[in-house]
PDB file of all heavy atoms in Angstrom:
ATOM      1  N   ALA A   1      33.332  11.240  27.033  1.00  0.00           N
ATOM      2  CA  ALA A   1      34.309  12.242  26.576  1.00  0.00           C
ATOM      3  C   ALA A   1      33.658  13.605  26.409  1.00  0.00           C
ATOM      4  O   ALA A   1      32.441  13.729  26.259  1.00  0.00           O
ATOM      5  CB  ALA A   1      34.911  11.788  25.240  1.00  0.00           C
ATOM      6  N   GLY A   2      34.487  14.652  26.442  1.00  0.00           N
ATOM      7  CA  GLY A   2      34.020  16.008  26.174  1.00  0.00           C
ATOM      8  C   GLY A   2      32.915  16.453  27.114  1.00  0.00           C
ATOM      9  O   GLY A   2      32.986  16.232  28.332  1.00  0.00           O
ATOM     10  N   GLN A   3      31.870  17.055  26.531  1.00  0.00           N
ATOM     11  CA  GLN A   3      30.724  17.492  27.336  1.00  0.00           C
ATOM     12  C   GLN A   3      29.747  16.366  27.615  1.00  0.00           C
ATOM     13  O   GLN A   3      28.750  16.554  28.308  1.00  0.00           O
ATOM     14  CB  GLN A   3      29.970  18.603  26.604  1.00  0.00           C
ATOM     15  CG  GLN A   3      30.591  19.975  26.728  1.00  0.00           C
ATOM     16  CD  GLN A   3      29.613  21.009  26.164  1.00  0.00           C
ATOM     17  OE1 GLN A   3      29.635  21.293  24.981  1.00  0.00           O
ATOM     18  NE2 GLN A   3      28.762  21.541  27.009  1.00  0.00           N
ATOM     19  N   LYS A   4      29.994  15.205  27.008  1.00  0.00           N
ATOM     20  CA  LYS A   4      29.134  14.033  27.186  1.00  0.00           C
ATOM     21  C   LYS A   4      27.745  14.263  26.614  1.00  0.00           C
ATOM     22  O   LYS A   4      26.745  13.785  27.160  1.00  0.00           O
ATOM     23  CB  LYS A   4      29.043  13.641  28.670  1.00  0.00           C
ATOM     24  CG  LYS A   4      30.392  13.485  29.348  1.00  0.00           C
ATOM     25  CD  LYS A   4      30.242  13.199  30.833  1.00  0.00           C
ATOM     26  CE  LYS A   4      31.600  13.207  31.519  1.00  0.00           C
ATOM     27  NZ  LYS A   4      31.491  12.943  32.969  1.00  0.00           N
ATOM     28  N   THR A   5      27.679  15.016  25.486  1.00  0.00           N
ATOM     29  CA  THR A   5      26.402  15.290  24.840  1.00  0.00           C
ATOM     30  C   THR A   5      26.469  14.887  23.363  1.00  0.00           C
ATOM     31  O   THR A   5      27.277  14.049  22.982  1.00  0.00           O
ATOM     32  CB  THR A   5      25.998  16.771  25.007  1.00  0.00           C
ATOM     33  OG1 THR A   5      27.050  17.607  24.501  1.00  0.00           O
ATOM     34  CG2 THR A   5      25.752  17.111  26.469  1.00  0.00           C
ATOM     35  N   LEU A   6      25.634  15.499  22.522  1.00  0.00           N
ATOM     36  CA  LEU A   6      25.442  15.036  21.156  1.00  0.00           C
ATOM     37  C   LEU A   6      26.718  15.072  20.309  1.00  0.00           C
ATOM     38  O   LEU A   6      27.016  14.120  19.570  1.00  0.00           O
ATOM     39  CB  LEU A   6      24.343  15.864  20.491  1.00  0.00           C
ATOM     40  CG  LEU A   6      23.967  15.492  19.060  1.00  0.00           C
ATOM     41  CD1 LEU A   6      23.568  14.025  18.953  1.00  0.00           C
ATOM     42  CD2 LEU A   6      22.834  16.382  18.572  1.00  0.00           C
ATOM     43  N   LYS A   7      27.487  16.155  20.384  1.00  0.00           N
ATOM     44  CA  LYS A   7      28.718  16.259  19.591  1.00  0.00           C
ATOM     45  C   LYS A   7      29.643  15.078  19.877  1.00  0.00           C
ATOM     46  O   LYS A   7      30.247  14.501  18.953  1.00  0.00           O
ATOM     47  CB  LYS A   7      29.445  17.573  19.909  1.00  0.00           C
ATOM     48  CG  LYS A   7      30.836  17.686  19.275  1.00  0.00           C
ATOM     49  CD  LYS A   7      31.501  19.001  19.608  1.00  0.00           C
ATOM     50  CE  LYS A   7      31.868  19.132  21.067  1.00  0.00           C
ATOM     51  NZ  LYS A   7      32.945  18.174  21.482  1.00  0.00           N
ATOM     52  N   ASP A   8      29.745  14.721  21.120  1.00  0.00           N
ATOM     53  CA  ASP A   8      30.638  13.638  21.524  1.00  0.00           C
ATOM     54  C   ASP A   8      30.092  12.279  21.075  1.00  0.00           C
ATOM     55  O   ASP A   8      30.863  11.379  20.730  1.00  0.00           O
ATOM     56  CB  ASP A   8      30.825  13.687  23.042  1.00  0.00           C
ATOM     57  CG  ASP A   8      31.152  15.094  23.503  1.00  0.00           C
ATOM     58  OD1 ASP A   8      32.225  15.608  23.141  1.00  0.00           O
ATOM     59  OD2 ASP A   8      30.299  15.714  24.181  1.00  0.00           O
ATOM     60  N   ALA A   9      28.766  12.133  21.049  1.00  0.00           N
ATOM     61  CA  ALA A   9      28.155  10.907  20.535  1.00  0.00           C
ATOM     62  C   ALA A   9      28.435  10.743  19.048  1.00  0.00           C
ATOM     63  O   ALA A   9      28.708   9.632  18.565  1.00  0.00           O
ATOM     64  CB  ALA A   9      26.655  10.915  20.801  1.00  0.00           C
ATOM     65  N   VAL A  10      28.385  11.846  18.297  1.00  0.00           N
ATOM     66  CA  VAL A  10      28.694  11.804  16.865  1.00  0.00           C
ATOM     67  C   VAL A  10      30.145  11.368  16.658  1.00  0.00           C
ATOM     68  O   VAL A  10      30.444  10.542  15.782  1.00  0.00           O
ATOM     69  CB  VAL A  10      28.437  13.174  16.202  1.00  0.00           C
ATOM     70  CG1 VAL A  10      28.911  13.161  14.751  1.00  0.00           C
ATOM     71  CG2 VAL A  10      26.962  13.537  16.265  1.00  0.00           C
ATOM     72  N   ASN A  11      31.050  11.929  17.450  1.00  0.00           N
ATOM     73  CA  ASN A  11      32.468  11.549  17.346  1.00  0.00           C
ATOM     74  C   ASN A  11      32.652  10.034  17.483  1.00  0.00           C
ATOM     75  O   ASN A  11      33.372   9.399  16.712  1.00  0.00           O
ATOM     76  CB  ASN A  11      33.299  12.257  18.415  1.00  0.00           C
ATOM     77  CG  ASN A  11      33.577  13.710  18.078  1.00  0.00           C
ATOM     78  OD1 ASN A  11      33.516  14.105  16.920  1.00  0.00           O
ATOM     79  ND2 ASN A  11      33.874  14.504  19.085  1.00  0.00           N
ATOM     80  N   GLU A  12      32.002   9.452  18.496  1.00  0.00           N
ATOM     81  CA  GLU A  12      32.150   8.015  18.742  1.00  0.00           C
ATOM     82  C   GLU A  12      31.527   7.192  17.633  1.00  0.00           C
ATOM     83  O   GLU A  12      32.057   6.149  17.234  1.00  0.00           O
ATOM     84  CB  GLU A  12      31.530   7.645  20.095  1.00  0.00           C
ATOM     85  CG  GLU A  12      32.308   8.151  21.295  1.00  0.00           C
ATOM     86  CD  GLU A  12      33.763   7.676  21.272  1.00  0.00           C
ATOM     87  OE1 GLU A  12      34.004   6.462  21.057  1.00  0.00           O
ATOM     88  OE2 GLU A  12      34.667   8.508  21.466  1.00  0.00           O
ATOM     89  N   ALA A  13      30.377   7.648  17.114  1.00  0.00           N
ATOM     90  CA  ALA A  13      29.734   6.930  16.016  1.00  0.00           C
ATOM     91  C   ALA A  13      30.635   6.926  14.781  1.00  0.00           C
ATOM     92  O   ALA A  13      30.769   5.905  14.089  1.00  0.00           O
ATOM     93  CB  ALA A  13      28.380   7.555  15.696  1.00  0.00           C
ATOM     94  N   MET A  14      31.281   8.064  14.518  1.00  0.00           N
ATOM     95  CA  MET A  14      32.170   8.143  13.347  1.00  0.00           C
ATOM     96  C   MET A  14      33.399   7.253  13.527  1.00  0.00           C
ATOM     97  O   MET A  14      33.869   6.634  12.565  1.00  0.00           O
ATOM     98  CB  MET A  14      32.568   9.597  13.092  1.00  0.00           C
ATOM     99  CG  MET A  14      31.404  10.448  12.598  1.00  0.00           C
ATOM    100  SD  MET A  14      31.864  12.129  12.153  1.00  0.00           S
ATOM    101  CE  MET A  14      32.707  11.864  10.593  1.00  0.00           C
ATOM    102  N   ARG A  15      33.918   7.169  14.753  1.00  0.00           N
ATOM    103  CA  ARG A  15      35.053   6.271  15.012  1.00  0.00           C
ATOM    104  C   ARG A  15      34.659   4.815  14.754  1.00  0.00           C
ATOM    105  O   ARG A  15      35.425   4.027  14.193  1.00  0.00           O
ATOM    106  CB  ARG A  15      35.541   6.443  16.457  1.00  0.00           C
ATOM    107  CG  ARG A  15      36.249   7.756  16.730  1.00  0.00           C
ATOM    108  CD  ARG A  15      36.890   7.776  18.109  1.00  0.00           C
ATOM    109  NE  ARG A  15      37.473   9.072  18.392  1.00  0.00           N
ATOM    110  CZ  ARG A  15      36.922  10.009  19.156  1.00  0.00           C
ATOM    111  NH1 ARG A  15      35.749   9.771  19.738  1.00  0.00           N
ATOM    112  NH2 ARG A  15      37.510  11.171  19.367  1.00  0.00           N
ATOM    113  N   ASP A  16      33.473   4.465  15.192  1.00  0.00           N
ATOM    114  CA  ASP A  16      32.963   3.107  14.955  1.00  0.00           C
ATOM    115  C   ASP A  16      32.857   2.846  13.462  1.00  0.00           C
ATOM    116  O   ASP A  16      33.275   1.800  12.960  1.00  0.00           O
ATOM    117  CB  ASP A  16      31.592   2.968  15.633  1.00  0.00           C
ATOM    118  CG  ASP A  16      31.010   1.566  15.531  1.00  0.00           C
ATOM    119  OD1 ASP A  16      31.130   0.929  14.461  1.00  0.00           O
ATOM    120  OD2 ASP A  16      30.384   1.111  16.503  1.00  0.00           O
ATOM    121  N   TRP A  17      32.295   3.809  12.732  1.00  0.00           N
ATOM    122  CA  TRP A  17      32.073   3.621  11.296  1.00  0.00           C
ATOM    123  C   TRP A  17      33.402   3.425  10.552  1.00  0.00           C
ATOM    124  O   TRP A  17      33.516   2.578   9.672  1.00  0.00           O
ATOM    125  CB  TRP A  17      31.299   4.807  10.741  1.00  0.00           C
ATOM    126  CG  TRP A  17      30.645   4.538   9.418  1.00  0.00           C
ATOM    127  CD1 TRP A  17      30.293   3.318   8.906  1.00  0.00           C
ATOM    128  CD2 TRP A  17      30.261   5.506   8.440  1.00  0.00           C
ATOM    129  NE1 TRP A  17      29.702   3.471   7.671  1.00  0.00           N
ATOM    130  CE2 TRP A  17      29.665   4.812   7.360  1.00  0.00           C
ATOM    131  CE3 TRP A  17      30.343   6.900   8.381  1.00  0.00           C
ATOM    132  CZ2 TRP A  17      29.164   5.450   6.233  1.00  0.00           C
ATOM    133  CZ3 TRP A  17      29.837   7.540   7.265  1.00  0.00           C
ATOM    134  CH2 TRP A  17      29.260   6.830   6.204  1.00  0.00           C
ATOM    135  N   VAL A  18      34.410   4.202  10.915  1.00  0.00           N
ATOM    136  CA  VAL A  18      35.729   4.064  10.289  1.00  0.00           C
ATOM    137  C   VAL A  18      36.260   2.643  10.469  1.00  0.00           C
ATOM    138  O   VAL A  18      36.839   2.041   9.557  1.00  0.00           O
ATOM    139  CB  VAL A  18      36.725   5.091  10.886  1.00  0.00           C
ATOM    140  CG1 VAL A  18      38.155   4.746  10.493  1.00  0.00           C
ATOM    141  CG2 VAL A  18      36.377   6.507  10.431  1.00  0.00           C
ATOM    142  N   THR A  19      36.032   2.083  11.646  1.00  0.00           N
ATOM    143  CA  THR A  19      36.555   0.751  11.972  1.00  0.00           C
ATOM    144  C   THR A  19      35.767  -0.374  11.299  1.00  0.00           C
ATOM    145  O   THR A  19      36.325  -1.412  10.947  1.00  0.00           O
ATOM    146  CB  THR A  19      36.531   0.539  13.504  1.00  0.00           C
ATOM    147  OG1 THR A  19      37.232   1.618  14.126  1.00  0.00           O
ATOM    148  CG2 THR A  19      37.184  -0.779  13.895  1.00  0.00           C
ATOM    149  N   ASN A  20      34.462  -0.153  11.128  1.00  0.00           N
ATOM    150  CA  ASN A  20      33.570  -1.237  10.677  1.00  0.00           C
ATOM    151  C   ASN A  20      32.831  -0.897   9.391  1.00  0.00           C
ATOM    152  O   ASN A  20      31.703  -1.343   9.178  1.00  0.00           O
ATOM    153  CB  ASN A  20      32.558  -1.559  11.779  1.00  0.00           C
ATOM    154  CG  ASN A  20      33.217  -1.962  13.078  1.00  0.00           C
ATOM    155  OD1 ASN A  20      33.770  -3.048  13.191  1.00  0.00           O
ATOM    156  ND2 ASN A  20      33.167  -1.079  14.071  1.00  0.00           N
ATOM    157  N   VAL A  21      33.476  -0.150   8.514  1.00  0.00           N
ATOM    158  CA  VAL A  21      32.790   0.453   7.391  1.00  0.00           C
ATOM    159  C   VAL A  21      32.241  -0.569   6.386  1.00  0.00           C
ATOM    160  O   VAL A  21      31.244  -0.301   5.712  1.00  0.00           O
ATOM    161  CB  VAL A  21      33.721   1.478   6.694  1.00  0.00           C
ATOM    162  CG1 VAL A  21      34.869   0.785   5.996  1.00  0.00           C
ATOM    163  CG2 VAL A  21      32.958   2.384   5.748  1.00  0.00           C
ATOM    164  N   ARG A  22      32.843  -1.744   6.298  1.00  0.00           N
ATOM    165  CA  ARG A  22      32.426  -2.702   5.266  1.00  0.00           C
ATOM    166  C   ARG A  22      31.034  -3.274   5.512  1.00  0.00           C
ATOM    167  O   ARG A  22      30.273  -3.502   4.557  1.00  0.00           O
ATOM    168  CB  ARG A  22      33.442  -3.843   5.162  1.00  0.00           C
ATOM    169  CG  ARG A  22      34.770  -3.393   4.566  1.00  0.00           C
ATOM    170  CD  ARG A  22      35.675  -4.562   4.267  1.00  0.00           C
ATOM    171  NE  ARG A  22      36.925  -4.134   3.652  1.00  0.00           N
ATOM    172  CZ  ARG A  22      37.875  -4.946   3.259  1.00  0.00           C
ATOM    173  NH1 ARG A  22      37.743  -6.263   3.428  1.00  0.00           N
ATOM    174  NH2 ARG A  22      38.977  -4.477   2.703  1.00  0.00           N
ATOM    175  N   ASP A  23      30.691  -3.559   6.763  1.00  0.00           N
ATOM    176  CA  ASP A  23      29.396  -4.194   7.030  1.00  0.00           C
ATOM    177  C   ASP A  23      28.418  -3.294   7.766  1.00  0.00           C
ATOM    178  O   ASP A  23      27.308  -3.713   8.093  1.00  0.00           O
ATOM    179  CB  ASP A  23      29.591  -5.489   7.830  1.00  0.00           C
ATOM    180  CG  ASP A  23      30.031  -5.231   9.272  1.00  0.00           C
ATOM    181  OD1 ASP A  23      30.536  -4.127   9.556  1.00  0.00           O
ATOM    182  OD2 ASP A  23      29.868  -6.134  10.114  1.00  0.00           O
ATOM    183  N   THR A  24      28.824  -2.030   8.010  1.00  0.00           N
ATOM    184  CA  THR A  24      28.039  -1.137   8.865  1.00  0.00           C
ATOM    185  C   THR A  24      27.563   0.093   8.099  1.00  0.00           C
ATOM    186  O   THR A  24      28.324   0.695   7.342  1.00  0.00           O
ATOM    187  CB  THR A  24      28.880  -0.693  10.077  1.00  0.00           C
ATOM    188  OG1 THR A  24      29.213  -1.847  10.865  1.00  0.00           O
ATOM    189  CG2 THR A  24      28.125   0.300  10.948  1.00  0.00           C
ATOM    190  N   HIS A  25      26.303   0.469   8.325  1.00  0.00           N
ATOM    191  CA  HIS A  25      25.795   1.743   7.819  1.00  0.00           C
ATOM    192  C   HIS A  25      25.510   2.660   9.007  1.00  0.00           C
ATOM    193  O   HIS A  25      24.940   2.238  10.013  1.00  0.00           O
ATOM    194  CB  HIS A  25      24.510   1.565   7.009  1.00  0.00           C
ATOM    195  CG  HIS A  25      23.893   2.873   6.609  1.00  0.00           C
ATOM    196  ND1 HIS A  25      24.542   3.780   5.792  1.00  0.00           N
ATOM    197  CD2 HIS A  25      22.709   3.453   6.944  1.00  0.00           C
ATOM    198  CE1 HIS A  25      23.773   4.853   5.625  1.00  0.00           C
ATOM    199  NE2 HIS A  25      22.658   4.675   6.316  1.00  0.00           N
ATOM    200  N   TYR A  26      25.902   3.911   8.866  1.00  0.00           N
ATOM    201  CA  TYR A  26      25.674   4.931   9.895  1.00  0.00           C
ATOM    202  C   TYR A  26      24.410   5.705   9.531  1.00  0.00           C
ATOM    203  O   TYR A  26      24.392   6.455   8.566  1.00  0.00           O
ATOM    204  CB  TYR A  26      26.898   5.850   9.968  1.00  0.00           C
ATOM    205  CG  TYR A  26      26.803   7.000  10.954  1.00  0.00           C
ATOM    206  CD1 TYR A  26      25.813   7.072  11.936  1.00  0.00           C
ATOM    207  CD2 TYR A  26      27.740   8.042  10.917  1.00  0.00           C
ATOM    208  CE1 TYR A  26      25.758   8.127  12.831  1.00  0.00           C
ATOM    209  CE2 TYR A  26      27.695   9.092  11.806  1.00  0.00           C
ATOM    210  CZ  TYR A  26      26.694   9.139  12.754  1.00  0.00           C
ATOM    211  OH  TYR A  26      26.646  10.201  13.639  1.00  0.00           O
ATOM    212  N   ILE A  27      23.336   5.525  10.313  1.00  0.00           N
ATOM    213  CA  ILE A  27      22.112   6.295  10.114  1.00  0.00           C
ATOM    214  C   ILE A  27      22.259   7.614  10.880  1.00  0.00           C
ATOM    215  O   ILE A  27      21.892   7.712  12.055  1.00  0.00           O
ATOM    216  CB  ILE A  27      20.848   5.536  10.574  1.00  0.00           C
ATOM    217  CG1 ILE A  27      20.680   4.247   9.788  1.00  0.00           C
ATOM    218  CG2 ILE A  27      19.610   6.419  10.400  1.00  0.00           C
ATOM    219  CD1 ILE A  27      19.386   3.491  10.074  1.00  0.00           C
ATOM    220  N   LEU A  28      22.844   8.590  10.229  1.00  0.00           N
ATOM    221  CA  LEU A  28      22.979   9.907  10.850  1.00  0.00           C
ATOM    222  C   LEU A  28      21.586  10.522  10.962  1.00  0.00           C
ATOM    223  O   LEU A  28      20.773  10.427  10.042  1.00  0.00           O
ATOM    224  CB  LEU A  28      23.900  10.781   9.994  1.00  0.00           C
ATOM    225  CG  LEU A  28      24.518  12.016  10.661  1.00  0.00           C
ATOM    226  CD1 LEU A  28      25.839  12.361   9.976  1.00  0.00           C
ATOM    227  CD2 LEU A  28      23.589  13.215  10.574  1.00  0.00           C
ATOM    228  N   GLY A  29      21.316  11.190  12.085  1.00  0.00           N
ATOM    229  CA  GLY A  29      19.942  11.534  12.418  1.00  0.00           C
ATOM    230  C   GLY A  29      19.452  12.911  12.037  1.00  0.00           C
ATOM    231  O   GLY A  29      18.290  13.237  12.309  1.00  0.00           O
ATOM    232  N   THR A  30      20.288  13.731  11.418  1.00  0.00           N
ATOM    233  CA  THR A  30      19.813  15.062  11.079  1.00  0.00           C
ATOM    234  C   THR A  30      20.411  15.513   9.748  1.00  0.00           C
ATOM    235  O   THR A  30      21.258  14.818   9.177  1.00  0.00           O
ATOM    236  CB  THR A  30      20.146  16.068  12.199  1.00  0.00           C
ATOM    237  OG1 THR A  30      19.416  17.277  11.978  1.00  0.00           O
ATOM    238  CG2 THR A  30      21.643  16.360  12.269  1.00  0.00           C
TER     239      THR A  30
END
């Protein structure tokens, strides 16, 4: 999606986290 770079990777990670928040931790990198 989008430019296919870091911003778009963050978007997908956040979508995953919303869906799997109970057992998942998001190690944001910066």
